Amino acid sequence: MPKPFPLRILVIASNAFQRTIAVTQLFQLGCHEVLGASDGQEAWKILQEKGRVDVAMFDLSMKSLKFIKDVGQAGLANSVIISGSLQGDLRGVMRQITSLQGLRFLGDISYPLQSAALEQMLHDYMKKTSYALLPASSVELASDEDMRVALLQNQVVPYFQPKFNLVTGHVSSFEVLARWHHPVKGILPPSIFIPVLKRLGLMKELLYSQLQLGLSLQKQAWERGHAISLAFNLETELLTHEELISRVMRILKDRSMPGSGLTFELTETDLLEISPTTLESLVCLRIMGCGLSIDDFGAGFSALQRLCQLPFNEIKLDSLFTRGLEYEPRCRAVVSSTLALGRTLGMSVVVEGVETEVQRRVLVDLGCSNGQGYLCAKPMPAAQTLDWLEKRTQLADTFPIVS
């Protein structure tokens, strides 16, 4: 039976007792491998010997800021947890610092560590990476040739995660996420193949393939009476390709489906520079009836500016704010302010990372209607999605329905 979190984690703590307790708790949560170090120097040596870790956990100090920079530039860690309670303003700054170094900030947690809070951070990491649990060292990046073969043989397939109404539980939309069904290694997460596709310039081929396969499922759902919409992640760089709009139109025409059934999600951090061609493509997508969503809202620097400049009609609030709802007033304030902003701008707001019933209730109390997260369902392959949707519809009067 696979462990819940087959991850490689590095705990850095000068206090031997605290370090031992943290390592023990992480093992009890089902982590694949947990490494311990007394300071940054020992941690660096371990990383050079063992290789990349999924999560590095350490306290905040001037030395740890340099450690973040070093491991980020060396690609030796994927994400960071700060072992200590941060004030709200420092938490935001740390999120920016880690993001600039290519790391994900999972949050902060004080000693004695609360297992429930720690477990939720690990769930958040896996959700952003893949729900197929793989340790950092278990699979290397795909080779160029393997990746080309995977695309030709349709081994990279869409998985579907629902967006749902937090009050009624009704599902009317799914986000489409890519997974690689490797013939030998099983289900592989995007972190294994997306960097290779970007380097090879094959992201547009992935998008078109996902669109075709996703629309096939959407059409089947519509024929069964489920008028679902689909949301696809769109690389901003693809908006500069002249054929993008014509290809999307052709795929829609081939499936006899309207553009109004699609939304394209663009991450806030990818929108730092907008060319005239990019803006024209965004407008064309809206003219076709497609929705545009700004993803991971609040995780970058330029969100408000882009909301004024670009034709978005949906905001997806980053899951970091959801995770802090229960104990961090500033997170609740951010959610409340974003909801007010959405209402003022005439934009819908979807809150990511809804994992617990408590979070759902807090969001409903704040006036939020739409969410996405494991409370409703994990991403699932096409073969399961329609059956899941049928079952969900039959049980629509009972909420929450946890898959």
Protein backbone atom coordinates (compact mmCIF):
# COMPACT_ATOMS: atom_id res chain seq x y z
CA MET A 1 0.00 0.00 0.00
CA PRO A 2 1.58 3.33 -1.03
CA LYS A 3 2.35 5.90 1.65
CA PRO A 4 0.23 9.08 1.70
CA PHE A 5 3.22 11.34 1.04
CA PRO A 6 6.11 9.55 -0.69
CA LEU A 7 8.11 12.78 -0.63
CA ARG A 8 11.68 13.63 0.26
CA ILE A 9 11.76 16.30 2.98
CA LEU A 10 14.68 18.09 4.61
CA VAL A 11 14.27 19.44 8.15
CA ILE A 12 16.83 22.01 9.32
CA ALA A 13 16.78 22.83 13.05
CA SER A 14 19.61 23.64 15.44
CA ASN A 15 17.61 22.24 18.36
CA ALA A 16 18.16 18.48 18.22
CA PHE A 17 14.96 17.69 20.14
CA GLN A 18 12.77 19.80 17.84
CA ARG A 19 14.48 18.32 14.80
CA THR A 20 13.87 14.76 16.02
CA ILE A 21 10.20 15.48 16.76
CA ALA A 22 9.70 17.06 13.32
CA VAL A 23 11.35 14.14 11.53
CA THR A 24 9.24 11.66 13.52
CA GLN A 25 5.99 13.50 12.78
CA LEU A 26 6.74 13.63 9.06
CA PHE A 27 7.45 9.90 9.01
CA GLN A 28 4.19 9.27 10.88
CA LEU A 29 2.34 11.27 8.23
CA GLY A 30 3.70 8.81 5.68
CA CYS A 31 6.55 10.75 4.09
CA HIS A 32 8.84 8.63 1.94
CA GLU A 33 12.17 10.02 3.15
CA VAL A 34 12.90 12.63 5.84
CA LEU A 35 16.39 14.07 6.23
CA GLY A 36 17.63 16.13 9.16
CA ALA A 37 20.34 18.78 9.43
CA SER A 38 21.47 21.01 12.28
CA ASP A 39 22.32 24.02 10.12
CA GLY A 40 22.50 25.33 6.57
CA GLN A 41 26.01 24.05 6.00
CA GLU A 42 25.08 20.48 6.90
CA ALA A 43 21.87 20.81 4.87
CA TRP A 44 23.79 21.95 1.80
CA LYS A 45 26.10 18.95 2.10
CA ILE A 46 23.12 16.60 2.34
CA LEU A 47 21.49 18.17 -0.72
CA GLN A 48 24.66 17.78 -2.76
CA GLU A 49 24.91 14.12 -1.77
CA LYS A 50 21.23 13.12 -1.88
CA GLY A 51 19.89 15.48 -4.55
CA ARG A 52 16.72 17.52 -4.81
CA VAL A 53 14.07 17.50 -2.07
CA ASP A 54 10.37 18.19 -2.37
CA VAL A 55 10.20 20.32 0.77
CA ALA A 56 12.82 22.10 2.86
CA MET A 57 11.68 23.18 6.34
CA PHE A 58 13.69 25.67 8.41
CA ASP A 59 13.33 28.75 10.60
CA LEU A 60 13.58 32.31 9.29
CA SER A 61 16.91 34.07 9.67
CA MET A 62 19.34 36.08 7.58
CA LYS A 63 21.23 32.85 6.83
CA SER A 64 18.05 31.12 5.73
CA LEU A 65 17.42 33.87 3.17
CA LYS A 66 20.77 33.03 1.57
CA PHE A 67 19.89 29.32 1.78
CA ILE A 68 16.66 29.96 -0.15
CA LYS A 69 18.62 31.76 -2.85
CA ASP A 70 21.27 29.02 -3.08
CA VAL A 71 18.90 26.03 -3.24
CA GLY A 72 16.62 27.86 -5.65
CA GLN A 73 19.41 28.64 -8.08
CA ALA A 74 20.81 25.11 -7.77
CA GLY A 75 17.38 23.51 -8.23
CA LEU A 76 17.81 21.44 -5.07
CA ALA A 77 14.37 22.07 -3.53
CA ASN A 78 10.84 22.47 -4.83
CA SER A 79 9.16 24.20 -1.91
CA VAL A 80 9.68 25.75 1.52
CA ILE A 81 8.00 25.61 4.94
CA ILE A 82 9.10 28.13 7.57
CA SER A 83 9.23 26.57 11.06
CA GLY A 84 8.00 29.55 13.05
CA SER A 85 5.04 31.90 13.13
CA LEU A 86 5.31 34.80 10.67
CA GLN A 87 3.45 38.08 10.87
CA GLY A 88 1.08 38.63 7.96
CA ASP A 89 3.28 41.15 6.18
CA LEU A 90 6.38 38.94 6.49
CA ARG A 91 4.41 35.97 5.19
CA GLY A 92 3.60 37.87 2.02
CA VAL A 93 7.22 38.92 1.55
CA MET A 94 8.46 35.35 2.07
CA ARG A 95 6.01 34.14 -0.54
CA GLN A 96 7.49 36.64 -2.99
CA ILE A 97 11.11 35.83 -2.10
CA THR A 98 10.65 32.08 -2.56
CA SER A 99 8.68 32.59 -5.77
CA LEU A 100 11.48 34.70 -7.24
CA GLN A 101 13.88 31.80 -6.62
CA GLY A 102 11.58 29.31 -8.32
CA LEU A 103 10.33 27.77 -5.07
CA ARG A 104 6.81 27.42 -3.71
CA PHE A 105 6.08 28.80 -0.25
CA LEU A 106 3.82 26.31 1.53
CA GLY A 107 3.42 28.36 4.70
CA ASP A 108 4.72 28.72 8.24
CA ILE A 109 4.17 26.51 11.28
CA SER A 110 5.35 26.91 14.88
CA TYR A 111 6.79 24.36 17.30
CA PRO A 112 5.28 22.20 18.67
CA LEU A 113 4.21 21.25 15.16
CA GLN A 114 0.51 20.58 14.61
CA SER A 115 0.23 17.43 12.51
CA ALA A 116 -3.05 18.52 10.91
CA ALA A 117 -1.57 21.82 9.69
CA LEU A 118 1.58 20.10 8.47
CA GLU A 119 -0.45 17.46 6.64
CA GLN A 120 -2.51 20.14 4.91
CA MET A 121 0.65 21.87 3.65
CA LEU A 122 1.87 18.59 2.17
CA HIS A 123 -1.53 18.05 0.53
CA ASP A 124 -1.23 21.51 -0.99
CA TYR A 125 2.21 20.68 -2.36
CA MET A 126 0.96 17.45 -3.92
CA LYS A 127 -2.07 19.18 -5.40
CA LYS A 128 0.13 21.69 -7.20
CA THR A 129 2.53 18.97 -8.35
CA SER A 130 0.28 16.01 -9.05
CA TYR A 131 -2.04 13.80 -7.12
CA ALA A 132 0.06 10.88 -8.41
CA LEU A 133 2.51 10.82 -5.50
CA LEU A 134 6.13 10.72 -6.52
CA PRO A 135 9.24 11.58 -4.52
CA ALA A 136 11.54 14.24 -5.93
CA SER A 137 14.30 11.78 -6.70
CA SER A 138 12.18 8.93 -8.07
CA VAL A 139 11.77 10.14 -11.66
CA GLU A 140 14.08 12.34 -13.70
CA LEU A 141 12.88 14.75 -16.36
CA ALA A 142 11.67 13.03 -19.49
CA SER A 143 14.03 12.69 -22.42
CA ASP A 144 13.30 14.70 -25.55
CA GLU A 145 12.61 11.57 -27.59
CA ASP A 146 10.32 10.01 -24.96
CA MET A 147 8.36 13.24 -24.82
CA ARG A 148 7.86 13.40 -28.57
CA VAL A 149 6.69 9.78 -28.60
CA ALA A 150 4.34 10.47 -25.69
CA LEU A 151 2.63 13.26 -27.60
CA LEU A 152 2.38 11.25 -30.81
CA GLN A 153 0.86 8.27 -28.99
CA ASN A 154 -1.51 10.39 -26.86
CA GLN A 155 0.12 9.20 -23.64
CA VAL A 156 -0.34 12.69 -22.17
CA VAL A 157 -4.01 12.77 -21.27
CA PRO A 158 -6.42 15.19 -19.62
CA TYR A 159 -7.51 14.81 -16.02
CA PHE A 160 -10.52 16.74 -14.78
CA GLN A 161 -10.98 18.50 -11.44
CA PRO A 162 -14.36 20.09 -10.72
CA LYS A 163 -15.10 23.65 -9.68
CA PHE A 164 -18.14 23.60 -7.43
CA ASN A 165 -20.70 25.79 -5.72
CA LEU A 166 -19.74 26.02 -2.05
CA VAL A 167 -23.37 26.38 -0.96
CA THR A 168 -25.20 23.81 -3.09
CA GLY A 169 -22.35 21.53 -4.16
CA HIS A 170 -23.43 21.89 -7.80
CA VAL A 171 -20.67 21.26 -10.38
CA SER A 172 -20.81 23.15 -13.66
CA SER A 173 -17.14 23.35 -14.65
CA PHE A 174 -13.95 21.30 -14.69
CA GLU A 175 -10.33 22.37 -14.90
CA VAL A 176 -8.36 20.24 -17.36
CA LEU A 177 -4.94 19.11 -16.09
CA ALA A 178 -2.31 17.13 -17.99
CA ARG A 179 -0.98 13.77 -16.77
CA TRP A 180 1.41 11.41 -18.54
CA HIS A 181 0.30 7.78 -18.62
CA HIS A 182 3.77 6.31 -19.03
CA PRO A 183 3.69 2.69 -20.27
CA VAL A 184 6.29 1.63 -17.68
CA LYS A 185 6.42 4.24 -14.92
CA GLY A 186 2.70 4.81 -14.49
CA ILE A 187 1.05 8.19 -14.01
CA LEU A 188 3.61 11.00 -14.09
CA PRO A 189 3.01 14.60 -12.94
CA PRO A 190 3.47 17.75 -15.04
CA SER A 191 6.74 18.56 -13.28
CA ILE A 192 8.32 15.64 -15.15
CA PHE A 193 7.34 16.69 -18.66
CA ILE A 194 6.22 20.34 -18.82
CA PRO A 195 9.80 21.73 -18.59
CA VAL A 196 10.80 19.45 -21.48
CA LEU A 197 7.82 20.51 -23.60
CA LYS A 198 8.64 24.15 -22.98
CA ARG A 199 12.25 23.64 -24.01
CA LEU A 200 11.21 21.79 -27.17
CA GLY A 201 8.58 24.39 -28.07
CA LEU A 202 5.81 21.77 -27.92
CA MET A 203 3.43 23.43 -25.46
CA LYS A 204 1.04 24.35 -28.26
CA GLU A 205 0.85 20.71 -29.34
CA LEU A 206 -0.03 19.78 -25.76
CA LEU A 207 -2.73 22.45 -25.64
CA TYR A 208 -4.33 21.36 -28.91
CA SER A 209 -4.28 17.71 -27.83
CA GLN A 210 -5.84 18.54 -24.46
CA LEU A 211 -8.48 20.66 -26.18
CA GLN A 212 -9.47 17.89 -28.57
CA LEU A 213 -9.67 15.22 -25.86
CA GLY A 214 -11.35 17.54 -23.38
CA LEU A 215 -13.99 18.68 -25.84
CA SER A 216 -14.82 15.06 -26.64
CA LEU A 217 -15.69 14.48 -23.00
CA GLN A 218 -17.54 17.79 -22.80
CA LYS A 219 -19.69 16.84 -25.78
CA GLN A 220 -20.56 13.50 -24.17
CA ALA A 221 -21.50 15.30 -20.96
CA TRP A 222 -23.71 17.76 -22.84
CA GLU A 223 -25.44 14.89 -24.63
CA ARG A 224 -26.25 13.42 -21.20
CA GLY A 225 -27.74 16.70 -20.05
CA HIS A 226 -24.73 18.04 -18.11
CA ALA A 227 -23.91 21.50 -19.48
CA ILE A 228 -20.39 21.64 -18.06
CA SER A 229 -17.72 24.10 -19.12
CA LEU A 230 -13.99 23.35 -19.27
CA ALA A 231 -11.00 25.43 -18.15
CA PHE A 232 -7.58 24.96 -19.76
CA ASN A 233 -4.25 26.34 -18.60
CA LEU A 234 -2.77 28.57 -21.30
CA GLU A 235 0.87 29.58 -21.52
CA THR A 236 1.07 33.32 -22.16
CA GLU A 237 3.82 32.73 -24.72
CA LEU A 238 1.35 30.82 -26.93
CA LEU A 239 -0.73 33.97 -27.32
CA THR A 240 2.01 35.35 -29.57
CA HIS A 241 1.52 32.50 -32.08
CA GLU A 242 -0.58 33.71 -35.00
CA GLU A 243 -2.20 30.32 -35.58
CA LEU A 244 -3.49 29.94 -32.00
CA ILE A 245 -6.88 31.53 -32.57
CA SER A 246 -7.52 29.76 -35.89
CA ARG A 247 -6.54 26.39 -34.38
CA VAL A 248 -8.85 26.84 -31.40
CA MET A 249 -11.69 27.85 -33.75
CA ARG A 250 -11.05 24.81 -35.95
CA ILE A 251 -11.03 22.40 -33.00
CA LEU A 252 -14.30 23.86 -31.74
CA LYS A 253 -15.84 23.58 -35.20
CA ASP A 254 -14.67 19.97 -35.62
CA ARG A 255 -16.39 19.06 -32.33
CA SER A 256 -19.44 21.26 -33.06
CA MET A 257 -18.95 22.97 -29.71
CA PRO A 258 -19.23 26.70 -28.86
CA GLY A 259 -16.42 28.83 -27.47
CA SER A 260 -18.67 29.78 -24.57
CA GLY A 261 -18.00 26.37 -23.05
CA LEU A 262 -14.29 27.13 -22.61
CA THR A 263 -12.26 29.21 -20.18
CA PHE A 264 -8.52 29.76 -20.48
CA GLU A 265 -6.55 30.24 -17.27
CA LEU A 266 -3.38 32.34 -17.31
CA THR A 267 -1.17 32.60 -14.24
CA GLU A 268 -0.60 36.04 -12.81
CA THR A 269 3.19 35.60 -12.79
CA ASP A 270 3.23 34.94 -16.56
CA LEU A 271 1.61 38.28 -17.32
CA LEU A 272 4.52 40.58 -16.52
CA GLU A 273 4.99 41.65 -20.14
CA ILE A 274 2.08 41.96 -22.57
CA SER A 275 2.70 42.55 -26.28
CA PRO A 276 0.12 43.91 -28.75
CA THR A 277 -0.16 40.41 -30.27
CA THR A 278 -0.86 38.90 -26.86
CA LEU A 279 -3.57 41.44 -26.12
CA GLU A 280 -5.12 40.89 -29.56
CA SER A 281 -5.26 37.13 -28.97
CA LEU A 282 -6.93 37.62 -25.59
CA VAL A 283 -9.57 39.87 -27.14
CA CYS A 284 -10.15 37.34 -29.94
CA LEU A 285 -10.74 34.57 -27.40
CA ARG A 286 -13.33 36.73 -25.64
CA ILE A 287 -15.00 37.55 -28.97
CA MET A 288 -15.25 33.79 -29.59
CA GLY A 289 -17.16 33.54 -26.31
CA CYS A 290 -14.33 32.00 -24.30
CA GLY A 291 -13.78 33.03 -20.70
CA LEU A 292 -10.43 34.29 -19.39
CA SER A 293 -9.33 33.61 -15.83
CA ILE A 294 -6.36 35.06 -13.95
CA ASP A 295 -4.97 32.05 -12.06
CA ASP A 296 -3.13 31.98 -8.70
CA PHE A 297 -4.36 35.51 -8.03
CA GLY A 298 -2.38 37.15 -5.23
CA ALA A 299 0.76 35.05 -5.75
CA GLY A 300 2.60 37.64 -7.86
CA PHE A 301 3.09 41.37 -8.11
CA SER A 302 1.00 42.74 -10.95
CA ALA A 303 -2.49 41.31 -10.49
CA LEU A 304 -4.44 44.53 -9.97
CA GLN A 305 -2.71 46.23 -12.89
CA ARG A 306 -3.49 43.29 -15.19
CA LEU A 307 -7.12 43.19 -14.12
CA CYS A 308 -7.44 46.76 -15.36
CA GLN A 309 -5.53 46.17 -18.60
CA LEU A 310 -6.67 42.73 -19.78
CA PRO A 311 -10.10 41.26 -20.63
CA PHE A 312 -10.41 38.75 -17.79
CA ASN A 313 -13.82 37.73 -16.50
CA GLU A 314 -12.76 35.36 -13.70
CA ILE A 315 -10.36 35.51 -10.75
CA LYS A 316 -8.92 32.33 -9.22
CA LEU A 317 -7.60 33.13 -5.76
CA ASP A 318 -4.39 31.31 -4.80
CA SER A 319 -4.80 28.40 -2.36
CA LEU A 320 -2.32 29.94 0.07
CA PHE A 321 -5.08 32.22 1.34
CA THR A 322 -7.51 29.32 1.74
CA ARG A 323 -5.07 27.39 3.89
CA GLY A 324 -4.79 30.26 6.36
CA LEU A 325 -8.53 30.94 6.67
CA GLU A 326 -8.96 29.20 10.01
CA TYR A 327 -6.19 30.97 11.93
CA GLU A 328 -5.04 34.02 9.95
CA PRO A 329 -7.31 37.12 9.90
CA ARG A 330 -5.32 38.62 7.03
CA CYS A 331 -6.15 35.64 4.83
CA ARG A 332 -9.83 36.13 5.52
CA ALA A 333 -9.41 39.83 4.75
CA VAL A 334 -7.74 39.03 1.40
CA VAL A 335 -10.54 36.64 0.45
CA SER A 336 -13.21 39.16 1.45
CA SER A 337 -11.47 41.97 -0.46
CA THR A 338 -11.05 39.81 -3.57
CA LEU A 339 -14.74 38.91 -3.50
CA ALA A 340 -15.63 42.60 -3.26
CA LEU A 341 -13.23 43.38 -6.10
CA GLY A 342 -14.81 40.69 -8.25
CA ARG A 343 -18.30 42.03 -7.62
CA THR A 344 -17.22 45.58 -8.46
CA LEU A 345 -15.50 44.50 -11.68
CA GLY A 346 -18.29 42.12 -12.69
CA MET A 347 -15.94 39.12 -12.47
CA SER A 348 -16.62 35.73 -10.91
CA VAL A 349 -14.24 34.57 -8.17
CA VAL A 350 -13.14 30.95 -7.66
CA VAL A 351 -11.19 30.10 -4.50
CA GLU A 352 -8.59 27.36 -4.93
CA GLY A 353 -7.48 24.78 -2.38
CA VAL A 354 -10.78 24.11 -0.59
CA GLU A 355 -9.87 20.96 1.31
CA THR A 356 -11.90 20.95 4.54
CA GLU A 357 -15.49 21.51 5.63
CA VAL A 358 -14.30 24.27 7.97
CA GLN A 359 -12.76 26.16 5.04
CA ARG A 360 -15.97 25.77 3.05
CA ARG A 361 -18.05 27.19 5.87
CA VAL A 362 -15.73 30.17 6.39
CA LEU A 363 -15.80 30.93 2.67
CA VAL A 364 -19.59 30.74 2.56
CA ASP A 365 -19.78 33.08 5.56
CA LEU A 366 -17.54 35.52 3.66
CA GLY A 367 -19.94 35.44 0.72
CA CYS A 368 -17.94 33.14 -1.57
CA SER A 369 -19.92 30.85 -3.88
CA ASN A 370 -17.34 29.07 -6.04
CA GLY A 371 -14.43 26.85 -5.06
CA GLN A 372 -12.10 24.13 -6.24
CA GLY A 373 -10.26 21.54 -4.20
CA TYR A 374 -10.08 18.07 -2.71
CA LEU A 375 -13.22 18.62 -0.60
CA CYS A 376 -15.16 18.08 -3.81
CA ALA A 377 -12.81 15.79 -5.77
CA LYS A 378 -9.26 15.11 -6.87
CA PRO A 379 -8.37 15.36 -10.57
CA MET A 380 -9.69 12.27 -12.35
CA PRO A 381 -9.26 10.71 -15.81
CA ALA A 382 -11.92 11.08 -18.48
CA ALA A 383 -13.13 7.50 -18.03
CA GLN A 384 -14.15 8.27 -14.43
CA THR A 385 -15.35 11.84 -14.87
CA LEU A 386 -18.71 11.21 -16.53
CA ASP A 387 -19.66 8.48 -14.05
CA TRP A 388 -18.59 10.74 -11.18
CA LEU A 389 -20.69 13.57 -12.60
CA GLU A 390 -23.75 11.32 -12.90
CA LYS A 391 -23.36 10.20 -9.29
CA ARG A 392 -22.79 13.76 -8.13
CA THR A 393 -25.96 14.93 -9.85
CA GLN A 394 -28.01 12.18 -8.22
CA LEU A 395 -26.70 13.20 -4.78
CA ALA A 396 -26.99 16.94 -5.41
CA ASP A 397 -29.28 17.51 -2.42
CA THR A 398 -26.70 16.33 0.10
CA PHE A 399 -23.63 18.48 0.70
CA PRO A 400 -20.77 18.21 1.20
CA ILE A 401 -20.11 15.18 -0.98
CA VAL A 402 -16.49 14.19 -0.51
CA SER A 403 -14.99 11.93 -3.16
